[in-house]
Amino acid sequence: MEPLDRSIGLPAAEVAARIAAGLRRGWQAITVDAVLMADGGEGTLEAAISAGISRRAATVSGAPGQPLKAGFAVRDSMAVIELAAASGLDVLPGGFKDACGATSLVSES
């Protein structure tokens, strides 16, 4: 099973656990594999961490250029980033969602 994002207000891992518990109550012999998956948007970092990849954080350039702290995950030479953590509309300052003014480009000063 694959729970979707936080559209219902719960982390995907909790949704998966609750669905699995309900299935097991209904069918005691059932085998349930609750695995977090992501499509590269919100939830990607959570899915990577649930798979055992180490969480890290760095200060990055946000969508309108302001510095902000964003998480990422690392294992050996592989890194997993969630672009929404740095340039998503939800991290714009003041809650002002300016899709046309946001960018993922880094300006060289």
PDB file of N, CA and C in Angstrom:
ATOM      1  N   MET A   1       0.830  -1.173   0.000  1.00  0.00           N
ATOM      2  CA  MET A   1       0.000   0.000   0.000  1.00  0.00           C
ATOM      3  C   MET A   1       0.871   1.230   0.000  1.00  0.00           C
ATOM      4  N   GLU A   2       0.353   2.306  -0.497  1.00  0.00           N
ATOM      5  CA  GLU A   2       1.109   3.558  -0.581  1.00  0.00           C
ATOM      6  C   GLU A   2       0.214   4.710  -0.159  1.00  0.00           C
ATOM      7  N   PRO A   3       0.365   5.197   1.090  1.00  0.00           N
ATOM      8  CA  PRO A   3      -0.432   6.360   1.486  1.00  0.00           C
ATOM      9  C   PRO A   3       0.064   7.600   0.758  1.00  0.00           C
ATOM     10  N   LEU A   4      -0.845   8.496   0.477  1.00  0.00           N
ATOM     11  CA  LEU A   4      -0.467   9.736  -0.197  1.00  0.00           C
ATOM     12  C   LEU A   4       0.157  10.702   0.794  1.00  0.00           C
ATOM     13  N   ASP A   5       0.310  11.932   0.407  1.00  0.00           N
ATOM     14  CA  ASP A   5       0.970  12.942   1.226  1.00  0.00           C
ATOM     15  C   ASP A   5       0.154  13.317   2.456  1.00  0.00           C
ATOM     16  N   ARG A   6       0.476  14.437   3.044  1.00  0.00           N
ATOM     17  CA  ARG A   6      -0.155  14.879   4.279  1.00  0.00           C
ATOM     18  C   ARG A   6      -1.488  15.591   4.051  1.00  0.00           C
ATOM     19  N   SER A   7      -2.140  15.308   2.941  1.00  0.00           N
ATOM     20  CA  SER A   7      -3.387  16.010   2.633  1.00  0.00           C
ATOM     21  C   SER A   7      -4.466  15.758   3.678  1.00  0.00           C
ATOM     22  N   ILE A   8      -4.321  14.704   4.489  1.00  0.00           N
ATOM     23  CA  ILE A   8      -5.303  14.451   5.542  1.00  0.00           C
ATOM     24  C   ILE A   8      -4.761  14.863   6.904  1.00  0.00           C
ATOM     25  N   GLY A   9      -3.598  15.484   6.952  1.00  0.00           N
ATOM     26  CA  GLY A   9      -3.076  16.025   8.196  1.00  0.00           C
ATOM     27  C   GLY A   9      -2.219  15.082   9.019  1.00  0.00           C
ATOM     28  N   LEU A  10      -1.882  13.913   8.511  1.00  0.00           N
ATOM     29  CA  LEU A  10      -1.039  12.969   9.234  1.00  0.00           C
ATOM     30  C   LEU A  10       0.199  12.630   8.403  1.00  0.00           C
ATOM     31  N   PRO A  11       1.326  12.352   9.073  1.00  0.00           N
ATOM     32  CA  PRO A  11       2.506  11.905   8.324  1.00  0.00           C
ATOM     33  C   PRO A  11       2.204  10.571   7.623  1.00  0.00           C
ATOM     34  N   ALA A  12       2.803  10.360   6.474  1.00  0.00           N
ATOM     35  CA  ALA A  12       2.542   9.154   5.683  1.00  0.00           C
ATOM     36  C   ALA A  12       2.829   7.882   6.473  1.00  0.00           C
ATOM     37  N   ALA A  13       3.877   7.880   7.300  1.00  0.00           N
ATOM     38  CA  ALA A  13       4.210   6.681   8.085  1.00  0.00           C
ATOM     39  C   ALA A  13       3.067   6.325   9.042  1.00  0.00           C
ATOM     40  N   GLU A  14       2.446   7.328   9.642  1.00  0.00           N
ATOM     41  CA  GLU A  14       1.334   7.068  10.560  1.00  0.00           C
ATOM     42  C   GLU A  14       0.109   6.577   9.797  1.00  0.00           C
ATOM     43  N   VAL A  15      -0.147   7.149   8.635  1.00  0.00           N
ATOM     44  CA  VAL A  15      -1.268   6.696   7.814  1.00  0.00           C
ATOM     45  C   VAL A  15      -1.065   5.226   7.444  1.00  0.00           C
ATOM     46  N   ALA A  16       0.146   4.892   7.003  1.00  0.00           N
ATOM     47  CA  ALA A  16       0.445   3.508   6.616  1.00  0.00           C
ATOM     48  C   ALA A  16       0.248   2.562   7.787  1.00  0.00           C
ATOM     49  N   ALA A  17       0.715   2.949   8.982  1.00  0.00           N
ATOM     50  CA  ALA A  17       0.577   2.095  10.164  1.00  0.00           C
ATOM     51  C   ALA A  17      -0.895   1.883  10.521  1.00  0.00           C
ATOM     52  N   ARG A  18      -1.682   2.940  10.419  1.00  0.00           N
ATOM     53  CA  ARG A  18      -3.116   2.824  10.753  1.00  0.00           C
ATOM     54  C   ARG A  18      -3.860   1.955   9.738  1.00  0.00           C
ATOM     55  N   ILE A  19      -3.538   2.114   8.470  1.00  0.00           N
ATOM     56  CA  ILE A  19      -4.173   1.277   7.443  1.00  0.00           C
ATOM     57  C   ILE A  19      -3.794  -0.185   7.662  1.00  0.00           C
ATOM     58  N   ALA A  20      -2.518  -0.438   7.913  1.00  0.00           N
ATOM     59  CA  ALA A  20      -2.050  -1.807   8.148  1.00  0.00           C
ATOM     60  C   ALA A  20      -2.748  -2.423   9.356  1.00  0.00           C
ATOM     61  N   ALA A  21      -2.883  -1.660  10.439  1.00  0.00           N
ATOM     62  CA  ALA A  21      -3.554  -2.164  11.645  1.00  0.00           C
ATOM     63  C   ALA A  21      -5.012  -2.519  11.344  1.00  0.00           C
ATOM     64  N   GLY A  22      -5.686  -1.678  10.582  1.00  0.00           N
ATOM     65  CA  GLY A  22      -7.073  -1.957  10.219  1.00  0.00           C
ATOM     66  C   GLY A  22      -7.205  -3.203   9.360  1.00  0.00           C
ATOM     67  N   LEU A  23      -6.295  -3.363   8.407  1.00  0.00           N
ATOM     68  CA  LEU A  23      -6.328  -4.560   7.563  1.00  0.00           C
ATOM     69  C   LEU A  23      -6.090  -5.820   8.387  1.00  0.00           C
ATOM     70  N   ARG A  24      -5.159  -5.749   9.325  1.00  0.00           N
ATOM     71  CA  ARG A  24      -4.854  -6.913  10.163  1.00  0.00           C
ATOM     72  C   ARG A  24      -6.018  -7.264  11.085  1.00  0.00           C
ATOM     73  N   ARG A  25      -6.760  -6.252  11.541  1.00  0.00           N
ATOM     74  CA  ARG A  25      -7.938  -6.530  12.368  1.00  0.00           C
ATOM     75  C   ARG A  25      -9.004  -7.269  11.558  1.00  0.00           C
ATOM     76  N   GLY A  26      -9.152  -6.901  10.300  1.00  0.00           N
ATOM     77  CA  GLY A  26     -10.163  -7.528   9.446  1.00  0.00           C
ATOM     78  C   GLY A  26      -9.764  -8.896   8.926  1.00  0.00           C
ATOM     79  N   TRP A  27      -8.483  -9.084   8.659  1.00  0.00           N
ATOM     80  CA  TRP A  27      -7.964 -10.341   8.121  1.00  0.00           C
ATOM     81  C   TRP A  27      -6.682 -10.704   8.865  1.00  0.00           C
ATOM     82  N   GLN A  28      -6.814 -11.484   9.923  1.00  0.00           N
ATOM     83  CA  GLN A  28      -5.663 -11.785  10.772  1.00  0.00           C
ATOM     84  C   GLN A  28      -4.519 -12.461  10.014  1.00  0.00           C
ATOM     85  N   ALA A  29      -4.816 -13.196   8.966  1.00  0.00           N
ATOM     86  CA  ALA A  29      -3.778 -13.932   8.231  1.00  0.00           C
ATOM     87  C   ALA A  29      -3.098 -13.084   7.153  1.00  0.00           C
ATOM     88  N   ILE A  30      -3.520 -11.832   6.997  1.00  0.00           N
ATOM     89  CA  ILE A  30      -2.971 -11.004   5.927  1.00  0.00           C
ATOM     90  C   ILE A  30      -1.546 -10.545   6.245  1.00  0.00           C
ATOM     91  N   THR A  31      -0.728 -10.445   5.225  1.00  0.00           N
ATOM     92  CA  THR A  31       0.604  -9.865   5.348  1.00  0.00           C
ATOM     93  C   THR A  31       0.559  -8.477   4.727  1.00  0.00           C
ATOM     94  N   VAL A  32       0.952  -7.477   5.496  1.00  0.00           N
ATOM     95  CA  VAL A  32       0.914  -6.091   5.015  1.00  0.00           C
ATOM     96  C   VAL A  32       2.321  -5.533   5.028  1.00  0.00           C
ATOM     97  N   ASP A  33       2.770  -5.043   3.883  1.00  0.00           N
ATOM     98  CA  ASP A  33       4.058  -4.348   3.791  1.00  0.00           C
ATOM     99  C   ASP A  33       3.764  -2.864   3.636  1.00  0.00           C
ATOM    100  N   ALA A  34       4.004  -2.105   4.694  1.00  0.00           N
ATOM    101  CA  ALA A  34       3.782  -0.663   4.661  1.00  0.00           C
ATOM    102  C   ALA A  34       5.103   0.003   4.321  1.00  0.00           C
ATOM    103  N   VAL A  35       5.216   0.507   3.110  1.00  0.00           N
ATOM    104  CA  VAL A  35       6.454   1.112   2.624  1.00  0.00           C
ATOM    105  C   VAL A  35       6.144   2.516   2.132  1.00  0.00           C
ATOM    106  N   LEU A  36       6.903   3.495   2.634  1.00  0.00           N
ATOM    107  CA  LEU A  36       6.703   4.864   2.164  1.00  0.00           C
ATOM    108  C   LEU A  36       7.328   5.022   0.792  1.00  0.00           C
ATOM    109  N   MET A  37       6.622   5.726  -0.076  1.00  0.00           N
ATOM    110  CA  MET A  37       7.105   6.009  -1.422  1.00  0.00           C
ATOM    111  C   MET A  37       6.912   7.492  -1.670  1.00  0.00           C
ATOM    112  N   ALA A  38       7.637   8.019  -2.626  1.00  0.00           N
ATOM    113  CA  ALA A  38       7.489   9.436  -2.947  1.00  0.00           C
ATOM    114  C   ALA A  38       7.713   9.648  -4.435  1.00  0.00           C
ATOM    115  N   ASP A  39       7.142  10.728  -4.922  1.00  0.00           N
ATOM    116  CA  ASP A  39       7.273  11.046  -6.348  1.00  0.00           C
ATOM    117  C   ASP A  39       8.258  12.178  -6.597  1.00  0.00           C
ATOM    118  N   GLY A  40       8.996  12.576  -5.568  1.00  0.00           N
ATOM    119  CA  GLY A  40       9.958  13.662  -5.712  1.00  0.00           C
ATOM    120  C   GLY A  40       9.486  14.958  -5.093  1.00  0.00           C
ATOM    121  N   GLY A  41       8.218  15.035  -4.754  1.00  0.00           N
ATOM    122  CA  GLY A  41       7.684  16.237  -4.116  1.00  0.00           C
ATOM    123  C   GLY A  41       7.685  16.080  -2.607  1.00  0.00           C
ATOM    124  N   GLU A  42       6.702  16.695  -1.958  1.00  0.00           N
ATOM    125  CA  GLU A  42       6.604  16.588  -0.509  1.00  0.00           C
ATOM    126  C   GLU A  42       6.497  15.120  -0.108  1.00  0.00           C
ATOM    127  N   GLY A  43       7.224  14.747   0.916  1.00  0.00           N
ATOM    128  CA  GLY A  43       7.232  13.369   1.383  1.00  0.00           C
ATOM    129  C   GLY A  43       8.436  12.580   0.917  1.00  0.00           C
ATOM    130  N   THR A  44       9.176  13.108  -0.060  1.00  0.00           N
ATOM    131  CA  THR A  44      10.347  12.409  -0.578  1.00  0.00           C
ATOM    132  C   THR A  44      11.387  12.200   0.515  1.00  0.00           C
ATOM    133  N   LEU A  45      11.672  13.247   1.260  1.00  0.00           N
ATOM    134  CA  LEU A  45      12.679  13.156   2.318  1.00  0.00           C
ATOM    135  C   LEU A  45      12.237  12.177   3.397  1.00  0.00           C
ATOM    136  N   GLU A  46      10.986  12.248   3.799  1.00  0.00           N
ATOM    137  CA  GLU A  46      10.462  11.329   4.818  1.00  0.00           C
ATOM    138  C   GLU A  46      10.573   9.879   4.356  1.00  0.00           C
ATOM    139  N   ALA A  47      10.277   9.615   3.085  1.00  0.00           N
ATOM    140  CA  ALA A  47      10.380   8.254   2.548  1.00  0.00           C
ATOM    141  C   ALA A  47      11.830   7.779   2.561  1.00  0.00           C
ATOM    142  N   ALA A  48      12.761   8.636   2.184  1.00  0.00           N
ATOM    143  CA  ALA A  48      14.183   8.261   2.178  1.00  0.00           C
ATOM    144  C   ALA A  48      14.667   7.945   3.583  1.00  0.00           C
ATOM    145  N   ILE A  49      14.286   8.765   4.543  1.00  0.00           N
ATOM    146  CA  ILE A  49      14.713   8.554   5.930  1.00  0.00           C
ATOM    147  C   ILE A  49      14.110   7.265   6.478  1.00  0.00           C
ATOM    148  N   SER A  50      12.870   6.969   6.113  1.00  0.00           N
ATOM    149  CA  SER A  50      12.240   5.730   6.584  1.00  0.00           C
ATOM    150  C   SER A  50      12.930   4.501   6.003  1.00  0.00           C
ATOM    151  N   ALA A  51      13.656   4.683   4.898  1.00  0.00           N
ATOM    152  CA  ALA A  51      14.409   3.588   4.282  1.00  0.00           C
ATOM    153  C   ALA A  51      15.816   3.480   4.854  1.00  0.00           C
ATOM    154  N   GLY A  52      16.123   4.290   5.877  1.00  0.00           N
ATOM    155  CA  GLY A  52      17.412   4.173   6.548  1.00  0.00           C
ATOM    156  C   GLY A  52      18.487   5.130   6.070  1.00  0.00           C
ATOM    157  N   ILE A  53      18.128   6.099   5.262  1.00  0.00           N
ATOM    158  CA  ILE A  53      19.105   7.079   4.786  1.00  0.00           C
ATOM    159  C   ILE A  53      19.214   8.189   5.829  1.00  0.00           C
ATOM    160  N   SER A  54      20.428   8.630   6.114  1.00  0.00           N
ATOM    161  CA  SER A  54      20.670   9.611   7.179  1.00  0.00           C
ATOM    162  C   SER A  54      20.192  11.000   6.809  1.00  0.00           C
ATOM    163  N   ARG A  55      19.503  11.634   7.750  1.00  0.00           N
ATOM    164  CA  ARG A  55      19.001  13.006   7.556  1.00  0.00           C
ATOM    165  C   ARG A  55      20.113  13.995   7.835  1.00  0.00           C
ATOM    166  N   ARG A  56      20.187  15.015   7.003  1.00  0.00           N
ATOM    167  CA  ARG A  56      21.115  16.130   7.182  1.00  0.00           C
ATOM    168  C   ARG A  56      20.354  17.421   6.924  1.00  0.00           C
ATOM    169  N   ALA A  57      20.983  18.552   7.202  1.00  0.00           N
ATOM    170  CA  ALA A  57      20.372  19.848   6.915  1.00  0.00           C
ATOM    171  C   ALA A  57      21.452  20.811   6.451  1.00  0.00           C
ATOM    172  N   ALA A  58      21.060  21.775   5.666  1.00  0.00           N
ATOM    173  CA  ALA A  58      21.985  22.794   5.174  1.00  0.00           C
ATOM    174  C   ALA A  58      21.221  24.091   4.975  1.00  0.00           C
ATOM    175  N   THR A  59      21.933  25.190   5.037  1.00  0.00           N
ATOM    176  CA  THR A  59      21.339  26.477   4.702  1.00  0.00           C
ATOM    177  C   THR A  59      21.429  26.626   3.191  1.00  0.00           C
ATOM    178  N   VAL A  60      20.282  26.884   2.573  1.00  0.00           N
ATOM    179  CA  VAL A  60      20.204  26.981   1.114  1.00  0.00           C
ATOM    180  C   VAL A  60      19.539  28.290   0.727  1.00  0.00           C
ATOM    181  N   SER A  61      19.561  28.591  -0.547  1.00  0.00           N
ATOM    182  CA  SER A  61      18.892  29.777  -1.063  1.00  0.00           C
ATOM    183  C   SER A  61      17.442  29.423  -1.356  1.00  0.00           C
ATOM    184  N   GLY A  62      16.512  30.076  -0.668  1.00  0.00           N
ATOM    185  CA  GLY A  62      15.089  29.808  -0.864  1.00  0.00           C
ATOM    186  C   GLY A  62      14.579  30.396  -2.171  1.00  0.00           C
ATOM    187  N   ALA A  63      13.310  30.177  -2.446  1.00  0.00           N
ATOM    188  CA  ALA A  63      12.716  30.588  -3.721  1.00  0.00           C
ATOM    189  C   ALA A  63      12.926  32.054  -4.070  1.00  0.00           C
ATOM    190  N   PRO A  64      12.705  33.013  -3.142  1.00  0.00           N
ATOM    191  CA  PRO A  64      12.970  34.400  -3.518  1.00  0.00           C
ATOM    192  C   PRO A  64      14.399  34.835  -3.198  1.00  0.00           C
ATOM    193  N   GLY A  65      15.266  33.876  -2.860  1.00  0.00           N
ATOM    194  CA  GLY A  65      16.669  34.180  -2.611  1.00  0.00           C
ATOM    195  C   GLY A  65      17.056  34.272  -1.146  1.00  0.00           C
ATOM    196  N   GLN A  66      16.104  34.223  -0.229  1.00  0.00           N
ATOM    197  CA  GLN A  66      16.422  34.310   1.191  1.00  0.00           C
ATOM    198  C   GLN A  66      17.022  32.993   1.670  1.00  0.00           C
ATOM    199  N   PRO A  67      17.960  33.050   2.646  1.00  0.00           N
ATOM    200  CA  PRO A  67      18.517  31.797   3.164  1.00  0.00           C
ATOM    201  C   PRO A  67      17.492  31.081   4.051  1.00  0.00           C
ATOM    202  N   LEU A  68      17.460  29.776   3.947  1.00  0.00           N
ATOM    203  CA  LEU A  68      16.619  28.977   4.830  1.00  0.00           C
ATOM    204  C   LEU A  68      17.268  27.621   5.029  1.00  0.00           C
ATOM    205  N   LYS A  69      16.895  26.947   6.113  1.00  0.00           N
ATOM    206  CA  LYS A  69      17.446  25.639   6.413  1.00  0.00           C
ATOM    207  C   LYS A  69      16.540  24.584   5.790  1.00  0.00           C
ATOM    208  N   ALA A  70      17.128  23.680   5.017  1.00  0.00           N
ATOM    209  CA  ALA A  70      16.362  22.621   4.356  1.00  0.00           C
ATOM    210  C   ALA A  70      17.015  21.277   4.634  1.00  0.00           C
ATOM    211  N   GLY A  71      16.196  20.259   4.747  1.00  0.00           N
ATOM    212  CA  GLY A  71      16.702  18.920   4.993  1.00  0.00           C
ATOM    213  C   GLY A  71      17.016  18.189   3.706  1.00  0.00           C
ATOM    214  N   PHE A  72      17.901  17.208   3.825  1.00  0.00           N
ATOM    215  CA  PHE A  72      18.183  16.286   2.739  1.00  0.00           C
ATOM    216  C   PHE A  72      18.664  14.993   3.378  1.00  0.00           C
ATOM    217  N   ALA A  73      18.838  13.949   2.605  1.00  0.00           N
ATOM    218  CA  ALA A  73      19.261  12.660   3.145  1.00  0.00           C
ATOM    219  C   ALA A  73      20.469  12.165   2.362  1.00  0.00           C
ATOM    220  N   VAL A  74      21.375  11.496   3.060  1.00  0.00           N
ATOM    221  CA  VAL A  74      22.618  11.030   2.432  1.00  0.00           C
ATOM    222  C   VAL A  74      22.912   9.592   2.840  1.00  0.00           C
ATOM    223  N   ARG A  75      23.332   8.802   1.871  1.00  0.00           N
ATOM    224  CA  ARG A  75      23.882   7.464   2.122  1.00  0.00           C
ATOM    225  C   ARG A  75      25.030   7.270   1.134  1.00  0.00           C
ATOM    226  N   ASP A  76      26.221   7.074   1.684  1.00  0.00           N
ATOM    227  CA  ASP A  76      27.426   6.915   0.863  1.00  0.00           C
ATOM    228  C   ASP A  76      27.540   8.086  -0.116  1.00  0.00           C
ATOM    229  N   SER A  77      27.561   7.805  -1.426  1.00  0.00           N
ATOM    230  CA  SER A  77      27.705   8.883  -2.409  1.00  0.00           C
ATOM    231  C   SER A  77      26.357   9.319  -2.988  1.00  0.00           C
ATOM    232  N   MET A  78      25.260   8.856  -2.396  1.00  0.00           N
ATOM    233  CA  MET A  78      23.921   9.209  -2.887  1.00  0.00           C
ATOM    234  C   MET A  78      23.273  10.228  -1.963  1.00  0.00           C
ATOM    235  N   ALA A  79      22.629  11.219  -2.549  1.00  0.00           N
ATOM    236  CA  ALA A  79      21.874  12.210  -1.774  1.00  0.00           C
ATOM    237  C   ALA A  79      20.452  12.282  -2.307  1.00  0.00           C
ATOM    238  N   VAL A  80      19.510  12.495  -1.400  1.00  0.00           N
ATOM    239  CA  VAL A  80      18.103  12.662  -1.760  1.00  0.00           C
ATOM    240  C   VAL A  80      17.690  14.045  -1.295  1.00  0.00           C
ATOM    241  N   ILE A  81      17.175  14.839  -2.215  1.00  0.00           N
ATOM    242  CA  ILE A  81      16.696  16.169  -1.855  1.00  0.00           C
ATOM    243  C   ILE A  81      15.206  16.259  -2.133  1.00  0.00           C
ATOM    244  N   GLU A  82      14.564  17.139  -1.414  1.00  0.00           N
ATOM    245  CA  GLU A  82      13.156  17.428  -1.647  1.00  0.00           C
ATOM    246  C   GLU A  82      13.112  18.892  -2.046  1.00  0.00           C
ATOM    247  N   LEU A  83      13.015  19.154  -3.312  1.00  0.00           N
ATOM    248  CA  LEU A  83      13.079  20.518  -3.818  1.00  0.00           C
ATOM    249  C   LEU A  83      12.071  21.435  -3.142  1.00  0.00           C
ATOM    250  N   ALA A  84      10.918  20.900  -2.791  1.00  0.00           N
ATOM    251  CA  ALA A  84       9.899  21.711  -2.131  1.00  0.00           C
ATOM    252  C   ALA A  84      10.378  22.272  -0.800  1.00  0.00           C
ATOM    253  N   ALA A  85      11.362  21.608  -0.165  1.00  0.00           N
ATOM    254  CA  ALA A  85      11.884  22.089   1.115  1.00  0.00           C
ATOM    255  C   ALA A  85      12.656  23.392   0.955  1.00  0.00           C
ATOM    256  N   ALA A  86      13.164  23.657  -0.236  1.00  0.00           N
ATOM    257  CA  ALA A  86      13.945  24.869  -0.474  1.00  0.00           C
ATOM    258  C   ALA A  86      13.223  25.884  -1.349  1.00  0.00           C
ATOM    259  N   SER A  87      12.479  25.412  -2.328  1.00  0.00           N
ATOM    260  CA  SER A  87      11.873  26.368  -3.250  1.00  0.00           C
ATOM    261  C   SER A  87      10.376  26.157  -3.454  1.00  0.00           C
ATOM    262  N   GLY A  88       9.767  25.410  -2.570  1.00  0.00           N
ATOM    263  CA  GLY A  88       8.325  25.200  -2.679  1.00  0.00           C
ATOM    264  C   GLY A  88       7.543  26.428  -2.248  1.00  0.00           C
ATOM    265  N   LEU A  89       6.323  26.518  -2.675  1.00  0.00           N
ATOM    266  CA  LEU A  89       5.493  27.671  -2.345  1.00  0.00           C
ATOM    267  C   LEU A  89       5.246  27.789  -0.846  1.00  0.00           C
ATOM    268  N   ASP A  90       5.256  26.663  -0.127  1.00  0.00           N
ATOM    269  CA  ASP A  90       4.993  26.693   1.314  1.00  0.00           C
ATOM    270  C   ASP A  90       6.118  27.307   2.124  1.00  0.00           C
ATOM    271  N   VAL A  91       7.304  27.493   1.551  1.00  0.00           N
ATOM    272  CA  VAL A  91       8.419  28.075   2.312  1.00  0.00           C
ATOM    273  C   VAL A  91       8.689  29.529   1.932  1.00  0.00           C
ATOM    274  N   LEU A  92       7.812  30.121   1.147  1.00  0.00           N
ATOM    275  CA  LEU A  92       7.986  31.532   0.815  1.00  0.00           C
ATOM    276  C   LEU A  92       7.749  32.381   2.062  1.00  0.00           C
ATOM    277  N   PRO A  93       8.548  33.423   2.282  1.00  0.00           N
ATOM    278  CA  PRO A  93       8.417  34.229   3.494  1.00  0.00           C
ATOM    279  C   PRO A  93       7.053  34.906   3.599  1.00  0.00           C
ATOM    280  N   GLY A  94       6.548  34.939   4.821  1.00  0.00           N
ATOM    281  CA  GLY A  94       5.276  35.598   5.077  1.00  0.00           C
ATOM    282  C   GLY A  94       4.069  34.853   4.549  1.00  0.00           C
ATOM    283  N   GLY A  95       4.269  33.631   4.057  1.00  0.00           N
ATOM    284  CA  GLY A  95       3.157  32.855   3.535  1.00  0.00           C
ATOM    285  C   GLY A  95       2.641  33.360   2.198  1.00  0.00           C
ATOM    286  N   PHE A  96       3.345  34.326   1.595  1.00  0.00           N
ATOM    287  CA  PHE A  96       2.925  34.895   0.322  1.00  0.00           C
ATOM    288  C   PHE A  96       3.321  33.948  -0.801  1.00  0.00           C
ATOM    289  N   LYS A  97       2.358  33.328  -1.438  1.00  0.00           N
ATOM    290  CA  LYS A  97       2.631  32.333  -2.468  1.00  0.00           C
ATOM    291  C   LYS A  97       2.689  32.995  -3.841  1.00  0.00           C
ATOM    292  N   ASP A  98       3.884  33.396  -4.226  1.00  0.00           N
ATOM    293  CA  ASP A  98       4.116  34.090  -5.489  1.00  0.00           C
ATOM    294  C   ASP A  98       4.804  33.140  -6.462  1.00  0.00           C
ATOM    295  N   ALA A  99       4.019  32.313  -7.140  1.00  0.00           N
ATOM    296  CA  ALA A  99       4.586  31.319  -8.049  1.00  0.00           C
ATOM    297  C   ALA A  99       5.401  31.956  -9.172  1.00  0.00           C
ATOM    298  N   CYS A 100       5.004  33.112  -9.632  1.00  0.00           N
ATOM    299  CA  CYS A 100       5.723  33.766 -10.730  1.00  0.00           C
ATOM    300  C   CYS A 100       7.035  34.395 -10.261  1.00  0.00           C
ATOM    301  N   GLY A 101       7.107  34.781  -8.989  1.00  0.00           N
ATOM    302  CA  GLY A 101       8.325  35.410  -8.470  1.00  0.00           C
ATOM    303  C   GLY A 101       9.303  34.446  -7.850  1.00  0.00           C
ATOM    304  N   ALA A 102       8.912  33.181  -7.686  1.00  0.00           N
ATOM    305  CA  ALA A 102       9.784  32.181  -7.075  1.00  0.00           C
ATOM    306  C   ALA A 102      10.739  31.612  -8.112  1.00  0.00           C
ATOM    307  N   THR A 103      11.895  31.167  -7.667  1.00  0.00           N
ATOM    308  CA  THR A 103      12.879  30.571  -8.559  1.00  0.00           C
ATOM    309  C   THR A 103      13.682  29.523  -7.839  1.00  0.00           C
ATOM    310  N   SER A 104      14.273  28.615  -8.572  1.00  0.00           N
ATOM    311  CA  SER A 104      15.194  27.649  -7.993  1.00  0.00           C
ATOM    312  C   SER A 104      16.622  27.949  -8.447  1.00  0.00           C
ATOM    313  N   LEU A 105      16.784  29.092  -9.126  1.00  0.00           N
ATOM    314  CA  LEU A 105      18.124  29.502  -9.576  1.00  0.00           C
ATOM    315  C   LEU A 105      18.887  30.113  -8.426  1.00  0.00           C
ATOM    316  N   VAL A 106      20.180  29.857  -8.383  1.00  0.00           N
ATOM    317  CA  VAL A 106      21.055  30.455  -7.366  1.00  0.00           C
ATOM    318  C   VAL A 106      21.793  31.601  -8.030  1.00  0.00           C
ATOM    319  N   SER A 107      21.681  32.793  -7.446  1.00  0.00           N
ATOM    320  CA  SER A 107      22.379  33.934  -8.040  1.00  0.00           C
ATOM    321  C   SER A 107      23.801  34.001  -7.501  1.00  0.00           C
ATOM    322  N   GLU A 108      24.731  34.288  -8.361  1.00  0.00           N
ATOM    323  CA  GLU A 108      26.133  34.445  -7.981  1.00  0.00           C
ATOM    324  C   GLU A 108      26.375  35.908  -7.658  1.00  0.00           C
ATOM    325  N   SER A 109      26.813  36.203  -6.449  1.00  0.00           N
ATOM    326  CA  SER A 109      27.058  37.604  -6.065  1.00  0.00           C
ATOM    327  C   SER A 109      28.492  37.978  -6.264  1.00  0.00           C
TER     328      SER A 109
END
